[in-house]
Amino acid sequence: MKQKIGTVVGLTLFIVLVLGFIIGIYLFGMAGIFKLLGVQYTSFWSLILFVVGFFILASIFELFAKPISELLTETFAGKFEALFIQFSIQGLTNWLCLFIVDMFMGSIIFSWKMAIIVAMLLTLCEMAFQDKEHKNES
């Protein structure tokens, strides 16, 4: 019984650490993007809440956007067209997630232009890491 409890606690701790690391990367990435673009936020906790909300919402949206993106890009032979479609769909979902989280939070306010720029930068970063993952798989 103690071994089972130890296994469950260990696995839970591992999952929490991995999620914390991923959210930490998003947090410092968003903080950097906000600093570069001059986006103001009231406190560090509001930034953490914003990033966690964005991460959860983006994870849910990604469950639907990735398969749609893969299905649409299978029909295109050209790499540019496939890349453009993937960028468009991921950029749109990132913008939508930013917009929704921004609507619920008053401590970080985006203009629509700034939200589009942040969504495009996030999409570029995500696609850069995604391409590295696909190259390592093949």
N, C-alpha and C. Protein backbone atom coordinates (compact mmCIF):
# COMPACT_ATOMS: atom_id res chain seq x y z
N MET A 1 0.82 -1.20 0.00
CA MET A 1 0.00 0.00 0.00
C MET A 1 0.87 1.27 0.00
N LYS A 2 1.94 1.25 0.79
CA LYS A 2 2.83 2.40 0.85
C LYS A 2 3.50 2.64 -0.50
N GLN A 3 3.81 1.55 -1.21
CA GLN A 3 4.45 1.67 -2.51
C GLN A 3 3.49 2.32 -3.51
N LYS A 4 2.22 1.95 -3.47
CA LYS A 4 1.23 2.55 -4.37
C LYS A 4 1.05 4.03 -4.08
N ILE A 5 0.99 4.38 -2.81
CA ILE A 5 0.85 5.79 -2.44
C ILE A 5 2.09 6.57 -2.87
N GLY A 6 3.26 5.98 -2.69
CA GLY A 6 4.50 6.62 -3.11
C GLY A 6 4.54 6.82 -4.62
N THR A 7 4.05 5.82 -5.36
CA THR A 7 4.02 5.93 -6.82
C THR A 7 3.07 7.04 -7.26
N VAL A 8 1.89 7.10 -6.65
CA VAL A 8 0.91 8.12 -7.01
C VAL A 8 1.44 9.51 -6.65
N VAL A 9 2.03 9.66 -5.48
CA VAL A 9 2.59 10.95 -5.07
C VAL A 9 3.75 11.34 -5.99
N GLY A 10 4.61 10.40 -6.32
CA GLY A 10 5.73 10.68 -7.21
C GLY A 10 5.28 11.09 -8.60
N LEU A 11 4.30 10.39 -9.14
CA LEU A 11 3.77 10.71 -10.46
C LEU A 11 3.09 12.07 -10.45
N THR A 12 2.33 12.34 -9.40
CA THR A 12 1.66 13.64 -9.28
C THR A 12 2.68 14.77 -9.18
N LEU A 13 3.72 14.56 -8.40
CA LEU A 13 4.78 15.57 -8.28
C LEU A 13 5.47 15.80 -9.62
N PHE A 14 5.73 14.73 -10.35
CA PHE A 14 6.36 14.85 -11.66
C PHE A 14 5.48 15.65 -12.61
N ILE A 15 4.19 15.37 -12.64
CA ILE A 15 3.26 16.08 -13.52
C ILE A 15 3.19 17.56 -13.14
N VAL A 16 3.13 17.84 -11.85
CA VAL A 16 3.09 19.24 -11.39
C VAL A 16 4.37 19.97 -11.78
N LEU A 17 5.52 19.32 -11.66
CA LEU A 17 6.79 19.94 -12.03
C LEU A 17 6.86 20.22 -13.53
N VAL A 18 6.40 19.27 -14.34
CA VAL A 18 6.43 19.46 -15.79
C VAL A 18 5.49 20.59 -16.19
N LEU A 19 4.26 20.60 -15.66
CA LEU A 19 3.33 21.68 -15.96
C LEU A 19 3.86 23.02 -15.46
N GLY A 20 4.48 23.04 -14.29
CA GLY A 20 5.08 24.26 -13.78
C GLY A 20 6.19 24.78 -14.67
N PHE A 21 7.00 23.88 -15.19
CA PHE A 21 8.08 24.27 -16.10
C PHE A 21 7.51 24.86 -17.39
N ILE A 22 6.49 24.21 -17.95
CA ILE A 22 5.89 24.70 -19.19
C ILE A 22 5.23 26.05 -18.97
N ILE A 23 4.48 26.19 -17.88
CA ILE A 23 3.84 27.48 -17.58
C ILE A 23 4.90 28.54 -17.29
N GLY A 24 6.00 28.15 -16.66
CA GLY A 24 7.09 29.09 -16.42
C GLY A 24 7.70 29.61 -17.71
N ILE A 25 7.85 28.72 -18.68
CA ILE A 25 8.36 29.15 -19.99
C ILE A 25 7.39 30.14 -20.62
N TYR A 26 6.09 29.83 -20.58
CA TYR A 26 5.08 30.75 -21.10
C TYR A 26 5.12 32.08 -20.34
N LEU A 27 5.28 32.00 -19.00
CA LEU A 27 5.29 33.21 -18.18
C LEU A 27 6.43 34.14 -18.57
N PHE A 28 7.64 33.60 -18.64
CA PHE A 28 8.78 34.45 -18.98
C PHE A 28 8.75 34.87 -20.45
N GLY A 29 8.19 34.03 -21.30
CA GLY A 29 8.02 34.41 -22.70
C GLY A 29 7.05 35.56 -22.84
N MET A 30 5.91 35.46 -22.17
CA MET A 30 4.91 36.53 -22.21
C MET A 30 5.46 37.80 -21.58
N ALA A 31 6.17 37.66 -20.46
CA ALA A 31 6.74 38.84 -19.81
C ALA A 31 7.72 39.54 -20.75
N GLY A 32 8.51 38.75 -21.47
CA GLY A 32 9.44 39.32 -22.44
C GLY A 32 8.74 40.01 -23.59
N ILE A 33 7.72 39.35 -24.12
CA ILE A 33 6.97 39.95 -25.22
C ILE A 33 6.28 41.23 -24.76
N PHE A 34 5.68 41.20 -23.56
CA PHE A 34 5.02 42.38 -23.02
C PHE A 34 6.01 43.52 -22.81
N LYS A 35 7.20 43.18 -22.34
CA LYS A 35 8.23 44.20 -22.12
C LYS A 35 8.67 44.83 -23.45
N LEU A 36 8.87 43.98 -24.47
CA LEU A 36 9.28 44.48 -25.78
C LEU A 36 8.23 45.38 -26.41
N LEU A 37 6.96 45.01 -26.25
CA LEU A 37 5.88 45.74 -26.89
C LEU A 37 5.29 46.84 -26.02
N GLY A 38 5.73 46.93 -24.77
CA GLY A 38 5.25 47.99 -23.90
C GLY A 38 3.87 47.76 -23.31
N VAL A 39 3.45 46.50 -23.23
CA VAL A 39 2.15 46.20 -22.62
C VAL A 39 2.30 46.31 -21.11
N GLN A 40 1.38 47.02 -20.47
CA GLN A 40 1.42 47.24 -19.03
C GLN A 40 0.54 46.22 -18.32
N TYR A 41 0.97 45.75 -17.18
CA TYR A 41 0.14 44.92 -16.32
C TYR A 41 0.31 45.40 -14.90
N THR A 42 -0.75 45.20 -14.08
CA THR A 42 -0.77 45.82 -12.75
C THR A 42 0.19 45.16 -11.77
N SER A 43 0.32 43.84 -11.83
CA SER A 43 1.22 43.15 -10.90
C SER A 43 1.73 41.87 -11.54
N PHE A 44 2.72 41.30 -10.89
CA PHE A 44 3.27 40.03 -11.38
C PHE A 44 2.23 38.92 -11.24
N TRP A 45 1.40 39.00 -10.19
CA TRP A 45 0.35 37.99 -10.00
C TRP A 45 -0.70 38.06 -11.10
N SER A 46 -0.99 39.26 -11.57
CA SER A 46 -1.95 39.37 -12.68
C SER A 46 -1.37 38.75 -13.94
N LEU A 47 -0.06 38.91 -14.13
CA LEU A 47 0.60 38.27 -15.28
C LEU A 47 0.55 36.76 -15.15
N ILE A 48 0.80 36.24 -13.94
CA ILE A 48 0.73 34.79 -13.71
C ILE A 48 -0.68 34.28 -13.99
N LEU A 49 -1.69 34.99 -13.49
CA LEU A 49 -3.08 34.59 -13.73
C LEU A 49 -3.42 34.64 -15.21
N PHE A 50 -2.93 35.66 -15.90
CA PHE A 50 -3.15 35.78 -17.34
C PHE A 50 -2.52 34.61 -18.09
N VAL A 51 -1.29 34.28 -17.75
CA VAL A 51 -0.57 33.20 -18.45
C VAL A 51 -1.22 31.85 -18.17
N VAL A 52 -1.61 31.60 -16.92
CA VAL A 52 -2.26 30.33 -16.59
C VAL A 52 -3.60 30.22 -17.32
N GLY A 53 -4.37 31.31 -17.33
CA GLY A 53 -5.64 31.31 -18.06
C GLY A 53 -5.44 31.09 -19.55
N PHE A 54 -4.43 31.77 -20.12
CA PHE A 54 -4.14 31.60 -21.54
C PHE A 54 -3.69 30.17 -21.83
N PHE A 55 -2.84 29.62 -20.97
CA PHE A 55 -2.32 28.27 -21.17
C PHE A 55 -3.45 27.24 -21.15
N ILE A 56 -4.35 27.35 -20.19
CA ILE A 56 -5.47 26.40 -20.09
C ILE A 56 -6.38 26.54 -21.30
N LEU A 57 -6.74 27.77 -21.65
CA LEU A 57 -7.64 27.99 -22.78
C LEU A 57 -6.98 27.58 -24.10
N ALA A 58 -5.70 27.90 -24.27
CA ALA A 58 -4.99 27.54 -25.50
C ALA A 58 -4.86 26.02 -25.62
N SER A 59 -4.69 25.33 -24.50
CA SER A 59 -4.60 23.87 -24.55
C SER A 59 -5.92 23.26 -25.02
N ILE A 60 -7.02 23.81 -24.56
CA ILE A 60 -8.33 23.31 -24.98
C ILE A 60 -8.56 23.60 -26.46
N PHE A 61 -8.26 24.84 -26.89
CA PHE A 61 -8.46 25.21 -28.29
C PHE A 61 -7.55 24.41 -29.21
N GLU A 62 -6.34 24.10 -28.72
CA GLU A 62 -5.37 23.37 -29.54
C GLU A 62 -5.84 21.94 -29.83
N LEU A 63 -6.64 21.38 -28.94
CA LEU A 63 -7.19 20.04 -29.18
C LEU A 63 -8.03 20.00 -30.45
N PHE A 64 -8.64 21.11 -30.79
CA PHE A 64 -9.47 21.17 -31.99
C PHE A 64 -8.72 21.76 -33.18
N ALA A 65 -7.85 22.73 -32.92
CA ALA A 65 -7.16 23.42 -34.02
C ALA A 65 -6.10 22.55 -34.69
N LYS A 66 -5.36 21.77 -33.93
CA LYS A 66 -4.29 20.95 -34.52
C LYS A 66 -4.83 19.93 -35.53
N PRO A 67 -5.86 19.15 -35.18
CA PRO A 67 -6.37 18.20 -36.17
C PRO A 67 -6.94 18.88 -37.41
N ILE A 68 -7.61 20.01 -37.21
CA ILE A 68 -8.15 20.74 -38.36
C ILE A 68 -7.01 21.23 -39.24
N SER A 69 -5.98 21.75 -38.63
CA SER A 69 -4.82 22.24 -39.36
C SER A 69 -4.14 21.10 -40.12
N GLU A 70 -3.98 19.94 -39.48
CA GLU A 70 -3.35 18.79 -40.14
C GLU A 70 -4.19 18.30 -41.32
N LEU A 71 -5.51 18.26 -41.13
CA LEU A 71 -6.39 17.81 -42.22
C LEU A 71 -6.34 18.76 -43.41
N LEU A 72 -6.31 20.05 -43.15
CA LEU A 72 -6.28 21.02 -44.25
C LEU A 72 -4.94 21.02 -44.97
N THR A 73 -3.85 20.81 -44.25
CA THR A 73 -2.54 20.87 -44.89
C THR A 73 -2.18 19.59 -45.64
N GLU A 74 -2.87 18.50 -45.37
CA GLU A 74 -2.59 17.26 -46.10
C GLU A 74 -2.90 17.38 -47.58
N THR A 75 -3.83 18.25 -47.95
CA THR A 75 -4.24 18.37 -49.34
C THR A 75 -3.29 19.24 -50.17
N PHE A 76 -2.40 19.98 -49.51
CA PHE A 76 -1.51 20.88 -50.23
C PHE A 76 -0.14 20.25 -50.40
N ALA A 77 0.34 20.30 -51.65
CA ALA A 77 1.65 19.74 -51.95
C ALA A 77 2.76 20.73 -51.61
N GLY A 78 2.45 22.03 -51.76
CA GLY A 78 3.47 23.04 -51.50
C GLY A 78 3.68 23.27 -50.02
N LYS A 79 4.94 23.38 -49.64
CA LYS A 79 5.26 23.58 -48.23
C LYS A 79 4.83 24.97 -47.76
N PHE A 80 4.93 25.97 -48.63
CA PHE A 80 4.55 27.32 -48.25
C PHE A 80 3.07 27.42 -47.93
N GLU A 81 2.24 26.83 -48.77
CA GLU A 81 0.79 26.88 -48.54
C GLU A 81 0.42 26.17 -47.25
N ALA A 82 1.03 25.02 -47.01
CA ALA A 82 0.75 24.27 -45.78
C ALA A 82 1.21 25.07 -44.56
N LEU A 83 2.38 25.68 -44.64
CA LEU A 83 2.90 26.49 -43.54
C LEU A 83 2.01 27.71 -43.30
N PHE A 84 1.52 28.32 -44.36
CA PHE A 84 0.64 29.49 -44.23
C PHE A 84 -0.68 29.11 -43.57
N ILE A 85 -1.23 27.96 -43.94
CA ILE A 85 -2.49 27.52 -43.33
C ILE A 85 -2.29 27.20 -41.86
N GLN A 86 -1.21 26.50 -41.53
CA GLN A 86 -0.93 26.20 -40.12
C GLN A 86 -0.72 27.48 -39.32
N PHE A 87 0.04 28.42 -39.88
CA PHE A 87 0.28 29.68 -39.18
C PHE A 87 -1.02 30.45 -38.98
N SER A 88 -1.86 30.45 -39.99
CA SER A 88 -3.13 31.18 -39.89
C SER A 88 -4.05 30.58 -38.83
N ILE A 89 -4.18 29.27 -38.82
CA ILE A 89 -5.06 28.62 -37.86
C ILE A 89 -4.52 28.77 -36.44
N GLN A 90 -3.23 28.52 -36.25
CA GLN A 90 -2.65 28.67 -34.91
C GLN A 90 -2.66 30.11 -34.45
N GLY A 91 -2.40 31.04 -35.36
CA GLY A 91 -2.44 32.46 -35.01
C GLY A 91 -3.84 32.90 -34.62
N LEU A 92 -4.83 32.41 -35.34
CA LEU A 92 -6.22 32.75 -35.02
C LEU A 92 -6.63 32.19 -33.67
N THR A 93 -6.24 30.96 -33.37
CA THR A 93 -6.59 30.39 -32.06
C THR A 93 -5.85 31.10 -30.94
N ASN A 94 -4.57 31.47 -31.16
CA ASN A 94 -3.84 32.22 -30.14
C ASN A 94 -4.49 33.58 -29.91
N TRP A 95 -4.87 34.26 -30.98
CA TRP A 95 -5.52 35.56 -30.84
C TRP A 95 -6.85 35.43 -30.10
N LEU A 96 -7.61 34.40 -30.44
CA LEU A 96 -8.90 34.19 -29.79
C LEU A 96 -8.71 33.92 -28.29
N CYS A 97 -7.72 33.13 -27.95
CA CYS A 97 -7.44 32.85 -26.53
C CYS A 97 -7.00 34.12 -25.81
N LEU A 98 -6.13 34.91 -26.43
CA LEU A 98 -5.71 36.17 -25.83
C LEU A 98 -6.91 37.10 -25.63
N PHE A 99 -7.77 37.16 -26.63
CA PHE A 99 -8.94 38.02 -26.56
C PHE A 99 -9.88 37.60 -25.43
N ILE A 100 -10.12 36.29 -25.31
CA ILE A 100 -11.03 35.79 -24.27
C ILE A 100 -10.45 36.03 -22.88
N VAL A 101 -9.18 35.72 -22.68
CA VAL A 101 -8.57 35.94 -21.37
C VAL A 101 -8.53 37.43 -21.05
N ASP A 102 -8.25 38.26 -22.05
CA ASP A 102 -8.22 39.71 -21.85
C ASP A 102 -9.59 40.25 -21.46
N MET A 103 -10.65 39.66 -22.01
CA MET A 103 -12.01 40.11 -21.68
C MET A 103 -12.35 39.84 -20.22
N PHE A 104 -11.83 38.76 -19.66
CA PHE A 104 -12.14 38.41 -18.28
C PHE A 104 -11.21 39.09 -17.27
N MET A 105 -10.09 39.63 -17.73
CA MET A 105 -9.15 40.26 -16.81
C MET A 105 -9.09 41.76 -17.09
N GLY A 106 -9.12 42.53 -16.04
CA GLY A 106 -9.01 43.97 -16.19
C GLY A 106 -7.60 44.48 -15.91
N SER A 107 -6.73 43.61 -15.44
CA SER A 107 -5.39 44.06 -15.04
C SER A 107 -4.40 44.11 -16.20
N ILE A 108 -4.73 43.47 -17.32
CA ILE A 108 -3.91 43.55 -18.53
C ILE A 108 -4.83 43.92 -19.66
N ILE A 109 -4.51 45.00 -20.34
CA ILE A 109 -5.40 45.48 -21.41
C ILE A 109 -4.60 45.55 -22.70
N PHE A 110 -5.12 44.88 -23.72
CA PHE A 110 -4.52 44.88 -25.06
C PHE A 110 -5.35 45.76 -25.98
N SER A 111 -4.69 46.41 -26.91
CA SER A 111 -5.41 46.94 -28.06
C SER A 111 -5.53 45.77 -29.04
N TRP A 112 -6.41 45.87 -29.99
CA TRP A 112 -6.57 44.75 -30.91
C TRP A 112 -5.32 44.55 -31.76
N LYS A 113 -4.61 45.64 -32.07
CA LYS A 113 -3.37 45.52 -32.84
C LYS A 113 -2.30 44.79 -32.03
N MET A 114 -2.22 45.15 -30.74
CA MET A 114 -1.22 44.53 -29.87
C MET A 114 -1.53 43.04 -29.69
N ALA A 115 -2.80 42.69 -29.58
CA ALA A 115 -3.18 41.28 -29.44
C ALA A 115 -2.80 40.49 -30.69
N ILE A 116 -2.95 41.07 -31.84
CA ILE A 116 -2.57 40.39 -33.08
C ILE A 116 -1.06 40.19 -33.14
N ILE A 117 -0.30 41.21 -32.74
CA ILE A 117 1.16 41.09 -32.75
C ILE A 117 1.62 40.01 -31.76
N VAL A 118 1.05 40.02 -30.55
CA VAL A 118 1.42 39.02 -29.54
C VAL A 118 1.04 37.62 -30.04
N ALA A 119 -0.15 37.48 -30.64
CA ALA A 119 -0.58 36.18 -31.16
C ALA A 119 0.36 35.69 -32.26
N MET A 120 0.80 36.60 -33.14
CA MET A 120 1.72 36.20 -34.21
C MET A 120 3.07 35.78 -33.64
N LEU A 121 3.57 36.52 -32.64
CA LEU A 121 4.85 36.15 -32.03
C LEU A 121 4.77 34.80 -31.32
N LEU A 122 3.67 34.58 -30.59
CA LEU A 122 3.48 33.29 -29.94
C LEU A 122 3.39 32.16 -30.95
N THR A 123 2.70 32.41 -32.04
CA THR A 123 2.56 31.40 -33.09
C THR A 123 3.91 31.08 -33.72
N LEU A 124 4.71 32.10 -33.97
CA LEU A 124 6.05 31.87 -34.53
C LEU A 124 6.89 31.02 -33.59
N CYS A 125 6.85 31.33 -32.30
CA CYS A 125 7.62 30.55 -31.32
C CYS A 125 7.12 29.11 -31.25
N GLU A 126 5.80 28.93 -31.22
CA GLU A 126 5.23 27.59 -31.16
C GLU A 126 5.59 26.78 -32.39
N MET A 127 5.52 27.41 -33.56
CA MET A 127 5.84 26.68 -34.80
C MET A 127 7.32 26.36 -34.88
N ALA A 128 8.17 27.23 -34.35
CA ALA A 128 9.60 26.95 -34.37
C ALA A 128 9.91 25.73 -33.51
N PHE A 129 9.30 25.65 -32.32
CA PHE A 129 9.53 24.48 -31.46
C PHE A 129 8.85 23.24 -32.04
N GLN A 130 7.71 23.42 -32.68
CA GLN A 130 7.00 22.29 -33.28
C GLN A 130 7.82 21.70 -34.41
N ASP A 131 8.44 22.51 -35.22
CA ASP A 131 9.27 22.00 -36.32
C ASP A 131 10.45 21.21 -35.78
N LYS A 132 11.06 21.65 -34.69
CA LYS A 132 12.17 20.92 -34.10
C LYS A 132 11.71 19.57 -33.59
N GLU A 133 10.50 19.52 -33.02
CA GLU A 133 9.98 18.23 -32.54
C GLU A 133 9.75 17.27 -33.69
N HIS A 134 9.21 17.77 -34.81
CA HIS A 134 8.97 16.90 -35.96
C HIS A 134 10.27 16.42 -36.59
N LYS A 135 11.30 17.25 -36.61
CA LYS A 135 12.57 16.84 -37.17
C LYS A 135 13.23 15.77 -36.32
N ASN A 136 13.05 15.87 -34.99
CA ASN A 136 13.63 14.87 -34.09
C ASN A 136 12.90 13.54 -34.21
N GLU A 137 11.60 13.55 -34.55
CA GLU A 137 10.84 12.31 -34.68
C GLU A 137 11.25 11.54 -35.93
N SER A 138 11.60 12.24 -37.01
CA SER A 138 11.91 11.54 -38.26
C SER A 138 13.37 11.20 -38.39
